[in-house]
Protein backbone atom coordinates (compact mmCIF):
# COMPACT_ATOMS: atom_id res chain seq x y z
CA MET A 1 0.12 -0.11 -0.02
CA ASN A 2 1.21 3.40 -0.99
CA PRO A 3 1.68 5.97 1.98
CA PRO A 4 -0.67 8.70 1.99
CA GLN A 5 0.31 11.65 0.20
CA PRO A 6 0.89 15.18 2.18
CA SER A 7 -1.84 17.50 1.73
CA ALA A 8 -1.41 20.58 -0.42
CA PRO A 9 -0.64 22.95 2.40
CA THR A 10 1.83 20.64 3.94
CA ARG A 11 3.59 19.92 0.46
CA LEU A 12 3.83 23.62 -0.12
CA LYS A 13 5.49 24.29 3.30
CA GLU A 14 8.13 21.46 2.39
CA LEU A 15 8.94 23.16 -0.86
CA ALA A 16 9.03 26.54 0.59
CA LEU A 17 11.53 25.15 2.80
CA GLY A 18 13.67 23.44 0.17
CA ASN A 19 16.71 25.13 0.93
CA ALA A 20 16.81 23.58 4.34
CA TYR A 21 16.97 20.21 2.96
CA ALA A 22 19.85 21.45 0.73
CA ALA A 23 21.50 23.05 3.52
CA MET A 24 21.25 19.75 5.41
CA LEU A 25 22.89 17.51 2.82
CA HIS A 26 25.70 20.46 2.53
CA ALA A 27 26.25 20.26 6.23
CA ALA A 28 26.45 16.69 6.52
CA THR A 29 28.93 16.49 3.57
CA ARG A 30 31.15 19.19 5.14
CA LEU A 31 31.09 17.55 8.57
CA GLY A 32 32.25 14.24 6.70
CA ILE A 33 29.57 12.21 8.53
CA ALA A 34 29.22 9.58 5.88
CA ASP A 35 32.97 9.00 5.97
CA ALA A 36 32.85 8.83 9.67
CA LEU A 37 30.13 6.14 9.71
CA GLY A 38 31.17 2.58 9.02
CA GLU A 39 29.15 -0.26 8.16
CA GLU A 40 27.91 -1.07 11.53
CA PRO A 41 25.35 1.21 13.19
CA ALA A 42 27.12 4.02 15.36
CA THR A 43 25.81 6.13 18.41
CA VAL A 44 25.71 9.76 17.95
CA PRO A 45 28.17 10.48 20.55
CA GLU A 46 30.73 8.28 18.63
CA LEU A 47 30.02 10.24 15.52
CA ALA A 48 29.96 13.51 17.16
CA GLU A 49 33.34 12.74 18.53
CA THR A 50 34.76 11.80 15.18
CA VAL A 51 33.44 14.63 13.21
CA GLY A 52 33.94 17.30 15.91
CA ALA A 53 30.32 18.17 16.55
CA ASP A 54 27.92 18.85 19.36
CA GLY A 55 26.10 15.55 20.10
CA PRO A 56 22.34 16.82 20.59
CA THR A 57 22.63 19.17 17.60
CA LEU A 58 24.13 16.26 15.39
CA ARG A 59 21.04 14.14 16.48
CA ARG A 60 18.74 16.66 15.08
CA LEU A 61 20.55 16.89 11.78
CA LEU A 62 20.79 13.02 11.44
CA ARG A 63 17.12 12.72 12.24
CA ALA A 64 16.01 15.19 9.93
CA LEU A 65 18.04 13.60 6.99
CA ALA A 66 16.72 9.87 7.88
CA LEU A 67 13.40 11.29 6.87
CA ASP A 68 14.23 11.36 3.35
CA GLY A 69 16.35 8.24 3.63
CA VAL A 70 19.78 9.76 3.92
CA PHE A 71 20.99 7.72 6.91
CA ALA A 72 18.50 5.73 8.98
CA GLU A 73 17.98 5.37 12.56
CA THR A 74 17.96 2.07 14.43
CA PRO A 75 15.40 1.36 17.04
CA ASP A 76 17.93 1.72 19.86
CA GLY A 77 18.84 5.26 18.61
CA ARG A 78 22.07 4.46 16.59
CA PHE A 79 22.49 5.41 12.96
CA THR A 80 23.38 3.61 9.97
CA HIS A 81 24.08 4.04 6.14
CA THR A 82 21.53 3.92 3.54
CA GLU A 83 22.08 3.66 -0.35
CA MET A 84 21.94 7.47 -0.53
CA SER A 85 24.06 8.21 2.57
CA ARG A 86 26.70 5.86 0.99
CA LEU A 87 26.84 8.47 -1.90
CA LEU A 88 28.02 11.11 0.36
CA ARG A 89 31.16 9.19 0.96
CA THR A 90 34.45 10.62 -0.49
CA GLY A 91 37.09 8.80 -2.55
CA SER A 92 34.84 6.20 -4.28
CA PRO A 93 33.88 6.13 -8.00
CA ALA A 94 30.29 6.43 -7.04
CA SER A 95 30.54 9.46 -4.73
CA MET A 96 28.40 12.40 -5.08
CA ALA A 97 29.99 14.31 -2.36
CA ASP A 98 31.60 16.95 -4.55
CA MET A 99 28.04 17.49 -6.43
CA VAL A 100 26.47 18.23 -3.14
CA LEU A 101 29.12 20.64 -2.04
CA TRP A 102 28.86 22.46 -5.55
CA ALA A 103 25.12 22.75 -5.51
CA GLY A 104 25.41 24.33 -1.96
CA ALA A 105 28.27 26.54 -2.85
CA ALA A 106 28.26 30.10 -1.43
CA TRP A 107 27.35 31.58 -5.03
CA THR A 108 24.14 29.47 -5.24
CA TRP A 109 22.69 30.81 -2.21
CA GLN A 110 23.35 34.45 -3.34
CA ALA A 111 21.84 33.60 -6.82
CA TRP A 112 18.56 31.71 -6.22
CA PRO A 113 16.93 34.54 -4.45
CA LYS A 114 17.32 36.58 -7.64
CA LEU A 115 15.30 34.17 -9.73
CA ALA A 116 12.43 36.45 -10.17
CA ASP A 117 14.74 39.16 -11.62
CA ALA A 118 16.32 36.44 -14.04
CA VAL A 119 12.83 35.30 -15.09
CA ARG A 120 11.82 39.02 -15.79
CA THR A 121 14.96 39.66 -17.90
CA GLY A 122 16.02 36.39 -19.20
CA GLU A 123 19.57 37.46 -18.13
CA PRO A 124 21.89 35.71 -15.54
CA VAL A 125 22.23 37.27 -12.24
CA VAL A 126 25.72 36.16 -11.19
CA PRO A 127 27.50 38.94 -13.37
CA GLY A 128 25.39 41.42 -11.41
CA LEU A 129 26.57 39.89 -8.21
CA TYR A 130 30.25 39.67 -8.67
CA GLY A 131 30.86 42.19 -11.53
CA LYS A 132 32.13 39.40 -13.74
CA ASP A 133 30.86 36.20 -15.66
CA PHE A 134 30.52 32.93 -13.60
CA PHE A 135 33.74 31.29 -15.01
CA THR A 136 35.72 34.45 -14.67
CA TYR A 137 34.43 34.59 -10.90
CA LEU A 138 35.16 31.07 -10.31
CA ARG A 139 38.74 31.36 -11.67
CA GLU A 140 39.48 34.72 -10.08
CA ASP A 141 37.57 34.60 -6.85
CA GLY A 142 35.90 31.18 -6.32
CA GLY A 143 38.75 29.72 -4.06
CA ALA A 144 37.53 26.50 -2.43
CA ASP A 145 34.21 26.91 -4.53
CA ALA A 146 36.22 26.53 -7.78
CA GLU A 147 37.96 23.57 -6.66
CA VAL A 148 34.77 21.87 -5.91
CA PHE A 149 33.17 22.77 -9.06
CA ASP A 150 35.86 21.21 -11.00
CA ARG A 151 35.87 18.01 -8.90
CA ALA A 152 32.25 17.89 -9.20
CA MET A 153 32.26 18.08 -13.11
CA THR A 154 35.02 15.41 -12.97
CA GLN A 155 32.97 13.24 -10.56
CA SER A 156 29.85 13.62 -12.78
CA SER A 157 32.07 12.54 -15.91
CA ALA A 158 33.44 9.56 -14.42
CA ARG A 159 29.95 8.35 -13.26
CA THR A 160 28.52 8.41 -16.78
CA SER A 161 31.37 7.72 -19.21
CA GLU A 162 31.03 4.00 -19.32
CA SER A 163 27.17 4.32 -20.00
CA VAL A 164 27.91 6.87 -22.81
CA ALA A 165 30.65 4.71 -24.41
CA ALA A 166 28.58 1.75 -24.23
CA ALA A 167 25.73 3.50 -26.16
CA LEU A 168 27.87 5.21 -28.65
CA ASP A 169 28.36 3.71 -32.17
CA THR A 170 31.85 4.36 -33.52
CA SER A 171 31.87 1.51 -36.13
CA GLY A 172 33.53 3.01 -39.38
CA ALA A 173 35.01 5.82 -37.53
CA LYS A 174 38.84 6.42 -37.32
CA THR A 175 39.04 9.74 -35.42
CA LEU A 176 36.90 11.15 -32.80
CA VAL A 177 37.37 14.44 -31.07
CA ASP A 178 35.83 15.24 -27.58
CA VAL A 179 34.84 18.94 -27.78
CA GLY A 180 34.74 20.38 -24.25
CA GLY A 181 36.11 16.88 -22.93
CA GLY A 182 37.33 18.30 -19.76
CA GLN A 183 40.28 16.21 -18.39
CA GLY A 184 39.35 13.25 -20.81
CA HIS A 185 37.52 10.51 -18.65
CA LEU A 186 35.30 9.79 -21.38
CA LEU A 187 37.73 9.79 -24.13
CA ARG A 188 39.82 7.40 -22.00
CA THR A 189 36.92 4.94 -21.77
CA LEU A 190 36.42 5.11 -25.52
CA LEU A 191 40.00 4.70 -26.47
CA GLU A 192 40.17 1.80 -23.74
CA THR A 193 37.33 -0.37 -25.53
CA ARG A 194 38.02 0.73 -29.08
CA PRO A 195 41.67 -0.10 -30.14
CA TYR A 196 40.96 1.02 -33.75
CA LEU A 197 40.17 4.58 -32.70
CA HIS A 198 42.19 7.64 -32.40
CA GLY A 199 40.99 10.44 -29.80
CA VAL A 200 41.67 13.94 -29.67
CA LEU A 201 40.69 15.88 -26.41
CA PHE A 202 39.66 19.51 -27.04
CA ASP A 203 39.25 22.12 -24.28
CA GLN A 204 40.55 25.18 -22.59
CA PRO A 205 44.28 25.25 -22.09
CA GLY A 206 43.88 25.22 -18.35
CA VAL A 207 41.78 22.19 -18.44
CA VAL A 208 43.48 19.92 -20.81
CA ASP A 209 46.66 20.66 -18.77
CA GLY A 210 45.15 18.33 -16.13
CA ALA A 211 44.41 15.69 -18.72
CA VAL A 212 44.13 12.11 -17.30
CA PRO A 213 47.90 10.58 -17.33
CA GLU A 214 46.63 7.81 -19.86
CA LEU A 215 46.22 10.51 -22.56
CA ARG A 216 49.32 12.46 -22.01
CA ASP A 217 53.02 11.90 -23.14
CA GLY A 218 54.03 8.66 -21.73
CA GLY A 219 50.65 7.37 -21.14
CA VAL A 220 49.33 3.98 -22.18
CA LEU A 221 46.98 5.65 -24.72
CA ALA A 222 49.11 8.44 -25.88
CA GLY A 223 49.94 6.84 -29.01
CA ARG A 224 46.31 7.10 -29.97
CA ALA A 225 45.44 10.34 -28.24
CA THR A 226 46.06 14.02 -28.97
CA VAL A 227 45.56 16.77 -26.84
CA VAL A 228 44.52 20.15 -28.24
CA PRO A 229 43.93 23.36 -26.30
CA GLY A 230 41.18 25.64 -27.48
CA ASP A 231 37.91 27.47 -27.14
CA CYS A 232 34.85 25.96 -29.01
CA LEU A 233 33.17 29.24 -28.88
CA GLU A 234 36.06 30.66 -31.23
CA ALA A 235 36.85 27.58 -33.33
CA VAL A 236 37.22 23.65 -33.35
CA PRO A 237 40.29 23.27 -35.58
CA VAL A 238 40.28 19.41 -35.65
CA ASP A 239 39.23 17.14 -38.62
CA ALA A 240 37.23 13.99 -37.27
CA ASP A 241 35.05 11.43 -38.10
CA ILE A 242 32.93 12.06 -35.06
CA TYR A 243 32.58 15.29 -32.92
CA LEU A 244 31.40 14.43 -29.40
CA ILE A 245 30.03 17.26 -27.35
CA LYS A 246 29.08 16.09 -23.70
CA GLN A 247 27.33 18.27 -21.39
CA VAL A 248 28.58 21.50 -23.04
CA LEU A 249 25.54 22.83 -25.08
CA LYS A 250 23.99 24.34 -22.05
CA TRP A 251 24.21 27.81 -23.41
CA ASP A 252 21.70 30.15 -24.70
CA PHE A 253 20.69 29.62 -28.39
CA ASP A 254 23.24 32.02 -29.91
CA ARG A 255 26.49 30.45 -28.19
CA SER A 256 24.93 26.92 -28.65
CA VAL A 257 24.68 27.52 -32.53
CA ARG A 258 27.84 29.18 -32.63
CA VAL A 259 29.79 25.98 -31.15
CA LEU A 260 27.79 23.66 -33.54
CA ALA A 261 28.70 26.07 -36.51
CA ASN A 262 32.40 26.05 -35.46
CA ILE A 263 32.07 22.16 -35.77
CA ARG A 264 30.62 22.13 -39.11
CA ALA A 265 33.08 24.69 -40.26
CA ALA A 266 35.95 22.41 -39.48
CA ALA A 267 34.12 18.98 -40.28
CA ARG A 268 34.21 17.29 -43.82
CA PRO A 269 30.65 16.34 -45.13
CA GLY A 270 29.32 13.27 -43.81
CA ALA A 271 30.82 13.51 -40.21
CA ARG A 272 28.72 12.91 -37.22
CA VAL A 273 28.12 15.33 -34.50
CA VAL A 274 27.07 13.81 -31.21
CA VAL A 275 25.62 15.77 -28.37
CA VAL A 276 25.59 14.04 -25.08
CA GLN A 277 23.10 15.75 -22.64
CA ASN A 278 19.88 15.78 -20.66
CA LEU A 279 16.80 16.48 -22.79
CA VAL A 280 14.50 18.61 -20.63
CA ASP A 281 11.13 16.93 -22.15
CA ASP A 282 12.72 13.31 -22.12
CA THR A 283 14.41 12.54 -18.74
CA PRO A 284 13.74 9.94 -15.93
CA GLU A 285 14.86 13.10 -13.65
CA PRO A 286 12.33 15.75 -14.41
CA ARG A 287 12.75 17.64 -11.04
CA TYR A 288 16.41 17.66 -11.40
CA ALA A 289 16.50 18.76 -15.04
CA ALA A 290 13.98 21.54 -14.36
CA ALA A 291 16.09 22.88 -11.42
CA MET A 292 19.27 22.66 -13.58
CA ASP A 293 17.78 24.51 -16.24
CA LEU A 294 16.93 27.42 -14.04
CA LEU A 295 20.41 27.11 -12.29
CA LEU A 296 22.13 27.49 -15.66
CA LEU A 297 19.95 30.72 -16.31
CA LEU A 298 21.18 32.15 -12.92
CA ASN A 299 24.81 31.56 -13.48
CA VAL A 300 25.62 31.58 -17.30
CA GLY A 301 22.32 32.51 -18.82
CA GLY A 302 22.06 28.99 -20.25
CA ARG A 303 19.42 26.54 -20.23
CA GLU A 304 18.72 22.80 -20.77
CA HIS A 305 17.04 22.14 -24.46
CA SER A 306 14.45 19.93 -25.48
CA LEU A 307 14.42 17.75 -28.63
CA ASP A 308 12.78 20.15 -30.74
CA GLU A 309 15.31 23.01 -29.70
CA PHE A 310 18.12 20.82 -30.56
CA LYS A 311 16.64 20.23 -33.88
CA THR A 312 16.52 23.80 -34.31
CA LEU A 313 19.97 24.31 -33.16
CA PHE A 314 21.24 21.73 -35.50
CA THR A 315 19.24 23.54 -38.41
CA ARG A 316 20.70 27.02 -37.64
CA ALA A 317 24.31 25.50 -37.67
CA GLY A 318 23.71 23.89 -41.01
CA LEU A 319 23.58 20.43 -39.68
CA ALA A 320 20.99 17.75 -40.31
CA PHE A 321 19.24 15.85 -37.39
CA ALA A 322 19.90 12.16 -37.43
CA GLY A 323 18.35 10.90 -34.14
CA VAL A 324 18.27 10.12 -30.54
CA THR A 325 19.88 6.99 -28.48
CA ARG A 326 19.28 6.64 -24.98
CA THR A 327 21.93 5.67 -22.36
CA SER A 328 21.56 3.60 -19.15
CA THR A 329 21.54 7.15 -17.42
CA SER A 330 19.47 10.24 -17.88
CA LEU A 331 21.92 11.36 -20.86
CA ARG A 332 20.62 11.04 -24.37
CA LEU A 333 22.99 10.93 -27.49
CA ILE A 334 21.43 13.56 -29.90
CA GLU A 335 22.94 13.26 -33.23
CA ALA A 336 23.43 15.24 -36.40
CA THR A 337 25.35 14.96 -39.64
CA VAL A 338 27.32 17.60 -41.57
């Protein structure tokens, strides 16, 4: 039997206090509770001593988190892990700790209250808050938030690389370029499973400088990998059979079209362009996608796109839509040809 749903007033109150739930997750992650808790249930005093917290107050936090399945309380008052709380552990491939810290970074708390302004204007609010665009702010003033952001993006890429690689058809291709490919986690996975493929990692100079060791000089994949620094908003000076763009086209329409047009300008006829991204109208995570759509508005004036919007982007960039392939995650492979 399904539990009774909360009444409309109760649900509205919960939604209105949604920032409290985000703060609880952020606090638990910063305190390192998930790392302090082993596989056996622990008492609150034990946990409090390990993480350096006030015991009675820590119990209040754990009790609140347990209501949503993050940690669980045993009948004798101890706490134990759940599937979700294990994701807050650091140092494991499945960890989402940095994602939680990124979502609760200081800049987000200042940006969200200005959502009404962004909705009125259609413009981001972060430049008004800091006097500079989002990425310049992170680079120059972000400090620990910038480090968390970079780790969260790497964490996200590592979690989805295998599913994307499994879904991507590379038959007949000799060269693949990962445009905006970060440190090369996805490209590494593709090259490890496709010995016939040569890969090009293309991203900002400061990003590719930190490419995974396997792709750099002396790495086990270096013979089939090339690292090219650049800015996809300016040009994509690479000739390839497949242009892969994962989680990059979250800009407004003009900038998204510019990236696709830069690819078309470099590509030969028949080359494939594969956008790896969420579709806001076809996702198993609609609430997450909706929240990210508005967060992108706040920080960079960007957005999540629907399938029809991608078709429009392709047409404006001179590409022909070729279809959509699902992965085992919420990501989709949205494909076009030159």
